Amino acid sequence: MNRKRSLVRRSAVVAASGVAALALAACGGDGDDTGAAGHGGHQATDSASAASPAPTTQGQHNAADVAFAQGMIPHHRQAVEMADLAPDRARSAEVKKLAAEIEKAQAPEIEKLSGWLTSWGETVPAEGAMEHSMHGGGMEGMMSAEEMTALENASGEAFDTSFMEMMIKHHEGAVEMAKTEQSEGAHAPARKMAADIIASQSAEIEQMKKLLGEK
């Protein structure tokens, strides 16, 4: 009798282990077929709902993300506008190279930021209009119309100095905007771009300060 009871107990343990193994397999799999077998109907539903927020989180955005994109587009456009002046006006090869790198990095970011705003149903800043309304201190590090005209009229070493002094100020503004996005934004790709902006533009600020110090 004892032996029979012991066998029954052992069978129950083996059966329980099998159910546990199925449940583990369901958790490790994709949650479709195995989820129904291992968890039962109610548990499988919970598993599916736990997996679904991932794409939603990726696409989530908030007001800080919108402000970052709408602010960074005209900010980047002005940096590209400044960089466009360098090939014909700069004397220093380092300044020409730096300007080319700024344009190469920021032009694709403008496209990406515009795409996010479009997908969110938000307004993409119009070319020209927003930049001119923000010249004169309306946004972090933006140059005034007078400063841009002075840069356009400069050449040689005077251009190099003005370009770097203005771009340092411009980059510092972008870094501040990016730090705000990192602390307040919800859109993961936008926060990653903010991190990239902080890293790349901080390095360029140091490079320009060094070049100015060597003059």
C-alpha atoms as a PDB file:
ATOM      1  CA  MET A   1       0.000   0.000   0.000  1.00  0.00           C
ATOM      2  CA  ASN A   2       2.838   2.353   0.977  1.00  0.00           C
ATOM      3  CA  ARG A   3       4.646   1.521  -2.215  1.00  0.00           C
ATOM      4  CA  LYS A   4       1.549   2.304  -4.292  1.00  0.00           C
ATOM      5  CA  ARG A   5       1.107   5.648  -2.512  1.00  0.00           C
ATOM      6  CA  SER A   6       4.772   6.431  -3.108  1.00  0.00           C
ATOM      7  CA  LEU A   7       4.421   5.707  -6.842  1.00  0.00           C
ATOM      8  CA  VAL A   8       1.367   7.942  -7.081  1.00  0.00           C
ATOM      9  CA  ARG A   9       3.254  10.732  -5.310  1.00  0.00           C
ATOM     10  CA  ARG A  10       6.234  10.293  -7.630  1.00  0.00           C
ATOM     11  CA  SER A  11       3.955  10.375 -10.696  1.00  0.00           C
ATOM     12  CA  ALA A  12       2.418  13.617  -9.436  1.00  0.00           C
ATOM     13  CA  VAL A  13       5.847  15.189  -9.047  1.00  0.00           C
ATOM     14  CA  VAL A  14       6.847  14.103 -12.571  1.00  0.00           C
ATOM     15  CA  ALA A  15       3.578  15.471 -13.972  1.00  0.00           C
ATOM     16  CA  ALA A  16       4.069  18.777 -12.153  1.00  0.00           C
ATOM     17  CA  SER A  17       7.600  19.007 -13.531  1.00  0.00           C
ATOM     18  CA  GLY A  18       6.274  18.419 -17.032  1.00  0.00           C
ATOM     19  CA  VAL A  19       3.737  21.249 -16.652  1.00  0.00           C
ATOM     20  CA  ALA A  20       6.479  23.545 -15.311  1.00  0.00           C
ATOM     21  CA  ALA A  21       8.697  22.653 -18.261  1.00  0.00           C
ATOM     22  CA  LEU A  22       5.861  23.411 -20.677  1.00  0.00           C
ATOM     23  CA  ALA A  23       5.256  26.755 -18.960  1.00  0.00           C
ATOM     24  CA  LEU A  24       8.940  27.626 -19.198  1.00  0.00           C
ATOM     25  CA  ALA A  25       8.997  26.646 -22.863  1.00  0.00           C
ATOM     26  CA  ALA A  26       5.977  28.872 -23.452  1.00  0.00           C
ATOM     27  CA  CYS A  27       7.693  31.823 -21.808  1.00  0.00           C
ATOM     28  CA  GLY A  28      10.856  31.257 -23.820  1.00  0.00           C
ATOM     29  CA  GLY A  29       9.026  30.826 -27.144  1.00  0.00           C
ATOM     30  CA  ASP A  30       7.055  33.356 -29.110  1.00  0.00           C
ATOM     31  CA  GLY A  31       3.973  33.009 -26.910  1.00  0.00           C
ATOM     32  CA  ASP A  32       1.594  31.749 -29.614  1.00  0.00           C
ATOM     33  CA  ASP A  33       1.201  27.954 -29.827  1.00  0.00           C
ATOM     34  CA  THR A  34       3.220  27.041 -26.734  1.00  0.00           C
ATOM     35  CA  GLY A  35       1.591  29.824 -24.717  1.00  0.00           C
ATOM     36  CA  ALA A  36      -1.847  28.246 -25.089  1.00  0.00           C
ATOM     37  CA  ALA A  37      -0.559  24.801 -24.104  1.00  0.00           C
ATOM     38  CA  GLY A  38       1.625  25.838 -21.212  1.00  0.00           C
ATOM     39  CA  HIS A  39      -0.326  28.694 -19.668  1.00  0.00           C
ATOM     40  CA  GLY A  40      -3.926  27.985 -20.473  1.00  0.00           C
ATOM     41  CA  GLY A  41      -6.247  30.540 -22.081  1.00  0.00           C
ATOM     42  CA  HIS A  42      -6.140  33.207 -19.351  1.00  0.00           C
ATOM     43  CA  GLN A  43      -2.353  33.120 -18.885  1.00  0.00           C
ATOM     44  CA  ALA A  44      -1.691  33.169 -22.637  1.00  0.00           C
ATOM     45  CA  THR A  45      -3.740  36.370 -22.918  1.00  0.00           C
ATOM     46  CA  ASP A  46      -1.651  37.959 -20.165  1.00  0.00           C
ATOM     47  CA  SER A  47       1.529  36.911 -21.955  1.00  0.00           C
ATOM     48  CA  ALA A  48       0.362  38.438 -25.246  1.00  0.00           C
ATOM     49  CA  SER A  49      -0.624  41.712 -23.583  1.00  0.00           C
ATOM     50  CA  ALA A  50       2.758  41.874 -21.818  1.00  0.00           C
ATOM     51  CA  ALA A  51       4.555  41.495 -25.156  1.00  0.00           C
ATOM     52  CA  SER A  52       2.462  44.051 -27.061  1.00  0.00           C
ATOM     53  CA  PRO A  53       3.674  47.297 -25.399  1.00  0.00           C
ATOM     54  CA  ALA A  54       7.170  46.957 -26.961  1.00  0.00           C
ATOM     55  CA  PRO A  55       6.273  48.421 -30.385  1.00  0.00           C
ATOM     56  CA  THR A  56       4.015  51.012 -28.723  1.00  0.00           C
ATOM     57  CA  THR A  57       6.869  52.185 -26.491  1.00  0.00           C
ATOM     58  CA  GLN A  58       9.120  52.515 -29.541  1.00  0.00           C
ATOM     59  CA  GLY A  59       6.535  54.740 -31.217  1.00  0.00           C
ATOM     60  CA  GLN A  60       5.483  56.716 -28.144  1.00  0.00           C
ATOM     61  CA  HIS A  61       6.263  60.400 -28.101  1.00  0.00           C
ATOM     62  CA  ASN A  62       5.384  63.359 -25.943  1.00  0.00           C
ATOM     63  CA  ALA A  63       5.375  67.172 -26.093  1.00  0.00           C
ATOM     64  CA  ALA A  64       9.128  67.304 -25.354  1.00  0.00           C
ATOM     65  CA  ASP A  65       9.843  65.126 -28.408  1.00  0.00           C
ATOM     66  CA  VAL A  66       7.748  67.417 -30.618  1.00  0.00           C
ATOM     67  CA  ALA A  67       9.481  70.530 -29.222  1.00  0.00           C
ATOM     68  CA  PHE A  68      12.892  68.897 -29.772  1.00  0.00           C
ATOM     69  CA  ALA A  69      12.142  68.036 -33.409  1.00  0.00           C
ATOM     70  CA  GLN A  70      10.479  71.367 -34.243  1.00  0.00           C
ATOM     71  CA  GLY A  71      13.325  73.290 -32.594  1.00  0.00           C
ATOM     72  CA  MET A  72      16.230  71.218 -33.891  1.00  0.00           C
ATOM     73  CA  ILE A  73      15.138  71.394 -37.550  1.00  0.00           C
ATOM     74  CA  PRO A  74      15.617  75.193 -37.939  1.00  0.00           C
ATOM     75  CA  HIS A  75      18.654  74.993 -35.655  1.00  0.00           C
ATOM     76  CA  HIS A  76      20.290  72.385 -37.891  1.00  0.00           C
ATOM     77  CA  ARG A  77      19.231  74.254 -41.051  1.00  0.00           C
ATOM     78  CA  GLN A  78      21.081  77.336 -39.855  1.00  0.00           C
ATOM     79  CA  ALA A  79      24.202  75.287 -39.051  1.00  0.00           C
ATOM     80  CA  VAL A  80      24.089  73.824 -42.577  1.00  0.00           C
ATOM     81  CA  GLU A  81      23.600  77.351 -43.992  1.00  0.00           C
ATOM     82  CA  MET A  82      26.702  78.485 -42.083  1.00  0.00           C
ATOM     83  CA  ALA A  83      28.674  75.432 -43.210  1.00  0.00           C
ATOM     84  CA  ASP A  84      27.713  76.131 -46.846  1.00  0.00           C
ATOM     85  CA  LEU A  85      29.632  79.421 -46.661  1.00  0.00           C
ATOM     86  CA  ALA A  86      32.939  77.780 -45.734  1.00  0.00           C
ATOM     87  CA  PRO A  87      34.152  76.278 -49.051  1.00  0.00           C
ATOM     88  CA  ASP A  88      34.324  79.701 -50.776  1.00  0.00           C
ATOM     89  CA  ARG A  89      35.295  81.835 -47.778  1.00  0.00           C
ATOM     90  CA  ALA A  90      37.378  79.829 -45.304  1.00  0.00           C
ATOM     91  CA  ARG A  91      41.155  79.969 -45.400  1.00  0.00           C
ATOM     92  CA  SER A  92      41.861  77.119 -42.998  1.00  0.00           C
ATOM     93  CA  ALA A  93      41.688  73.544 -44.299  1.00  0.00           C
ATOM     94  CA  GLU A  94      40.547  72.443 -40.817  1.00  0.00           C
ATOM     95  CA  VAL A  95      37.600  74.857 -40.920  1.00  0.00           C
ATOM     96  CA  LYS A  96      36.597  73.639 -44.397  1.00  0.00           C
ATOM     97  CA  LYS A  97      36.786  70.014 -43.225  1.00  0.00           C
ATOM     98  CA  LEU A  98      34.803  70.790 -40.060  1.00  0.00           C
ATOM     99  CA  ALA A  99      32.103  72.588 -42.072  1.00  0.00           C
ATOM    100  CA  ALA A 100      31.795  69.586 -44.417  1.00  0.00           C
ATOM    101  CA  GLU A 101      31.425  67.237 -41.437  1.00  0.00           C
ATOM    102  CA  ILE A 102      28.746  69.443 -39.849  1.00  0.00           C
ATOM    103  CA  GLU A 103      26.741  69.443 -43.090  1.00  0.00           C
ATOM    104  CA  LYS A 104      27.190  65.693 -43.559  1.00  0.00           C
ATOM    105  CA  ALA A 105      25.931  64.958 -40.022  1.00  0.00           C
ATOM    106  CA  GLN A 106      23.097  67.460 -39.732  1.00  0.00           C
ATOM    107  CA  ALA A 107      21.401  67.306 -43.151  1.00  0.00           C
ATOM    108  CA  PRO A 108      20.279  63.641 -42.669  1.00  0.00           C
ATOM    109  CA  GLU A 109      19.122  64.467 -39.113  1.00  0.00           C
ATOM    110  CA  ILE A 110      16.852  67.202 -40.518  1.00  0.00           C
ATOM    111  CA  GLU A 111      15.239  64.551 -42.763  1.00  0.00           C
ATOM    112  CA  LYS A 112      14.794  62.165 -39.850  1.00  0.00           C
ATOM    113  CA  LEU A 113      13.307  64.837 -37.563  1.00  0.00           C
ATOM    114  CA  SER A 114      10.911  65.916 -40.334  1.00  0.00           C
ATOM    115  CA  GLY A 115       9.826  62.291 -40.825  1.00  0.00           C
ATOM    116  CA  TRP A 116       9.025  61.898 -37.133  1.00  0.00           C
ATOM    117  CA  LEU A 117       6.926  65.068 -37.062  1.00  0.00           C
ATOM    118  CA  THR A 118       5.013  63.958 -40.168  1.00  0.00           C
ATOM    119  CA  SER A 119       4.341  60.519 -38.656  1.00  0.00           C
ATOM    120  CA  TRP A 120       3.097  62.169 -35.435  1.00  0.00           C
ATOM    121  CA  GLY A 121       0.746  64.461 -37.350  1.00  0.00           C
ATOM    122  CA  GLU A 122       2.712  67.540 -36.237  1.00  0.00           C
ATOM    123  CA  THR A 123       3.813  70.568 -38.271  1.00  0.00           C
ATOM    124  CA  VAL A 124       7.243  70.455 -39.901  1.00  0.00           C
ATOM    125  CA  PRO A 125       8.832  73.949 -39.678  1.00  0.00           C
ATOM    126  CA  ALA A 126       8.737  75.660 -43.072  1.00  0.00           C
ATOM    127  CA  GLU A 127      12.028  76.476 -44.798  1.00  0.00           C
ATOM    128  CA  GLY A 128      13.154  80.007 -44.011  1.00  0.00           C
ATOM    129  CA  ALA A 129      10.134  81.253 -42.051  1.00  0.00           C
ATOM    130  CA  MET A 130      10.993  79.807 -38.668  1.00  0.00           C
ATOM    131  CA  GLU A 131      14.715  80.438 -38.942  1.00  0.00           C
ATOM    132  CA  HIS A 132      14.239  84.169 -39.508  1.00  0.00           C
ATOM    133  CA  SER A 133      11.653  84.499 -36.750  1.00  0.00           C
ATOM    134  CA  MET A 134      14.110  82.878 -34.345  1.00  0.00           C
ATOM    135  CA  HIS A 135      17.192  84.878 -35.307  1.00  0.00           C
ATOM    136  CA  GLY A 136      18.192  87.154 -32.467  1.00  0.00           C
ATOM    137  CA  GLY A 137      18.045  84.902 -29.431  1.00  0.00           C
ATOM    138  CA  GLY A 138      14.643  83.248 -29.799  1.00  0.00           C
ATOM    139  CA  MET A 139      16.286  79.829 -29.562  1.00  0.00           C
ATOM    140  CA  GLU A 140      19.412  78.411 -27.939  1.00  0.00           C
ATOM    141  CA  GLY A 141      22.499  79.472 -29.886  1.00  0.00           C
ATOM    142  CA  MET A 142      20.720  80.749 -33.011  1.00  0.00           C
ATOM    143  CA  MET A 143      22.472  83.518 -34.919  1.00  0.00           C
ATOM    144  CA  SER A 144      20.751  86.820 -35.674  1.00  0.00           C
ATOM    145  CA  ALA A 145      20.195  87.966 -39.263  1.00  0.00           C
ATOM    146  CA  GLU A 146      22.936  90.578 -38.726  1.00  0.00           C
ATOM    147  CA  GLU A 147      25.414  87.927 -37.560  1.00  0.00           C
ATOM    148  CA  MET A 148      24.637  85.735 -40.570  1.00  0.00           C
ATOM    149  CA  THR A 149      25.131  88.692 -42.933  1.00  0.00           C
ATOM    150  CA  ALA A 150      28.462  89.540 -41.273  1.00  0.00           C
ATOM    151  CA  LEU A 151      29.588  85.922 -41.707  1.00  0.00           C
ATOM    152  CA  GLU A 152      28.566  85.952 -45.386  1.00  0.00           C
ATOM    153  CA  ASN A 153      30.622  89.107 -45.924  1.00  0.00           C
ATOM    154  CA  ALA A 154      33.741  87.772 -44.188  1.00  0.00           C
ATOM    155  CA  SER A 155      36.533  85.817 -45.835  1.00  0.00           C
ATOM    156  CA  GLY A 156      39.936  84.306 -45.098  1.00  0.00           C
ATOM    157  CA  GLU A 157      41.154  84.285 -41.534  1.00  0.00           C
ATOM    158  CA  ALA A 158      38.399  86.667 -40.402  1.00  0.00           C
ATOM    159  CA  PHE A 159      35.792  84.185 -41.681  1.00  0.00           C
ATOM    160  CA  ASP A 160      37.536  81.264 -39.943  1.00  0.00           C
ATOM    161  CA  THR A 161      37.498  83.052 -36.588  1.00  0.00           C
ATOM    162  CA  SER A 162      33.888  84.264 -36.896  1.00  0.00           C
ATOM    163  CA  PHE A 163      32.686  80.883 -38.159  1.00  0.00           C
ATOM    164  CA  MET A 164      34.205  78.980 -35.237  1.00  0.00           C
ATOM    165  CA  GLU A 165      33.116  81.492 -32.585  1.00  0.00           C
ATOM    166  CA  MET A 166      29.553  81.445 -33.929  1.00  0.00           C
ATOM    167  CA  MET A 167      29.467  77.678 -34.407  1.00  0.00           C
ATOM    168  CA  ILE A 168      30.679  77.092 -30.835  1.00  0.00           C
ATOM    169  CA  LYS A 169      27.746  79.171 -29.572  1.00  0.00           C
ATOM    170  CA  HIS A 170      25.422  77.388 -32.014  1.00  0.00           C
ATOM    171  CA  HIS A 171      26.617  73.922 -30.941  1.00  0.00           C
ATOM    172  CA  GLU A 172      26.317  74.813 -27.253  1.00  0.00           C
ATOM    173  CA  GLY A 173      22.669  75.690 -27.887  1.00  0.00           C
ATOM    174  CA  ALA A 174      22.073  72.375 -29.663  1.00  0.00           C
ATOM    175  CA  VAL A 175      23.703  70.453 -26.793  1.00  0.00           C
ATOM    176  CA  GLU A 176      21.372  72.165 -24.280  1.00  0.00           C
ATOM    177  CA  MET A 177      18.320  71.309 -26.415  1.00  0.00           C
ATOM    178  CA  ALA A 178      19.537  67.705 -26.703  1.00  0.00           C
ATOM    179  CA  LYS A 179      20.019  67.454 -22.916  1.00  0.00           C
ATOM    180  CA  THR A 180      16.417  68.607 -22.421  1.00  0.00           C
ATOM    181  CA  GLU A 181      15.243  65.920 -24.852  1.00  0.00           C
ATOM    182  CA  GLN A 182      17.223  63.249 -23.002  1.00  0.00           C
ATOM    183  CA  SER A 183      15.697  64.174 -19.651  1.00  0.00           C
ATOM    184  CA  GLU A 184      12.121  64.872 -20.794  1.00  0.00           C
ATOM    185  CA  GLY A 185      11.544  63.048 -24.123  1.00  0.00           C
ATOM    186  CA  ALA A 186       9.798  59.680 -24.502  1.00  0.00           C
ATOM    187  CA  HIS A 187      10.630  58.717 -28.121  1.00  0.00           C
ATOM    188  CA  ALA A 188      13.592  56.315 -27.983  1.00  0.00           C
ATOM    189  CA  PRO A 189      15.031  57.192 -31.450  1.00  0.00           C
ATOM    190  CA  ALA A 190      14.814  60.925 -30.652  1.00  0.00           C
ATOM    191  CA  ARG A 191      16.592  60.392 -27.347  1.00  0.00           C
ATOM    192  CA  LYS A 192      19.295  58.416 -29.148  1.00  0.00           C
ATOM    193  CA  MET A 193      19.734  61.257 -31.659  1.00  0.00           C
ATOM    194  CA  ALA A 194      19.997  63.667 -28.720  1.00  0.00           C
ATOM    195  CA  ALA A 195      22.794  61.541 -27.238  1.00  0.00           C
ATOM    196  CA  ASP A 196      24.595  61.522 -30.611  1.00  0.00           C
ATOM    197  CA  ILE A 197      24.263  65.320 -30.893  1.00  0.00           C
ATOM    198  CA  ILE A 198      25.695  65.822 -27.396  1.00  0.00           C
ATOM    199  CA  ALA A 199      28.671  63.551 -28.131  1.00  0.00           C
ATOM    200  CA  SER A 200      29.525  64.797 -31.640  1.00  0.00           C
ATOM    201  CA  GLN A 201      28.922  68.503 -31.101  1.00  0.00           C
ATOM    202  CA  SER A 202      30.727  68.578 -27.739  1.00  0.00           C
ATOM    203  CA  ALA A 203      33.756  67.059 -29.507  1.00  0.00           C
ATOM    204  CA  GLU A 204      33.503  69.669 -32.287  1.00  0.00           C
ATOM    205  CA  ILE A 205      33.268  72.477 -29.702  1.00  0.00           C
ATOM    206  CA  GLU A 206      36.549  71.272 -28.161  1.00  0.00           C
ATOM    207  CA  GLN A 207      38.144  71.021 -31.606  1.00  0.00           C
ATOM    208  CA  MET A 208      37.098  74.587 -32.517  1.00  0.00           C
ATOM    209  CA  LYS A 209      38.267  75.992 -29.173  1.00  0.00           C
ATOM    210  CA  LYS A 210      41.629  74.357 -29.755  1.00  0.00           C
ATOM    211  CA  LEU A 211      41.886  75.805 -33.292  1.00  0.00           C
ATOM    212  CA  LEU A 212      40.950  79.279 -32.004  1.00  0.00           C
ATOM    213  CA  GLY A 213      43.579  78.973 -29.272  1.00  0.00           C
ATOM    214  CA  GLU A 214      46.241  78.230 -31.868  1.00  0.00           C
ATOM    215  CA  LYS A 215      45.502  81.432 -33.830  1.00  0.00           C
END
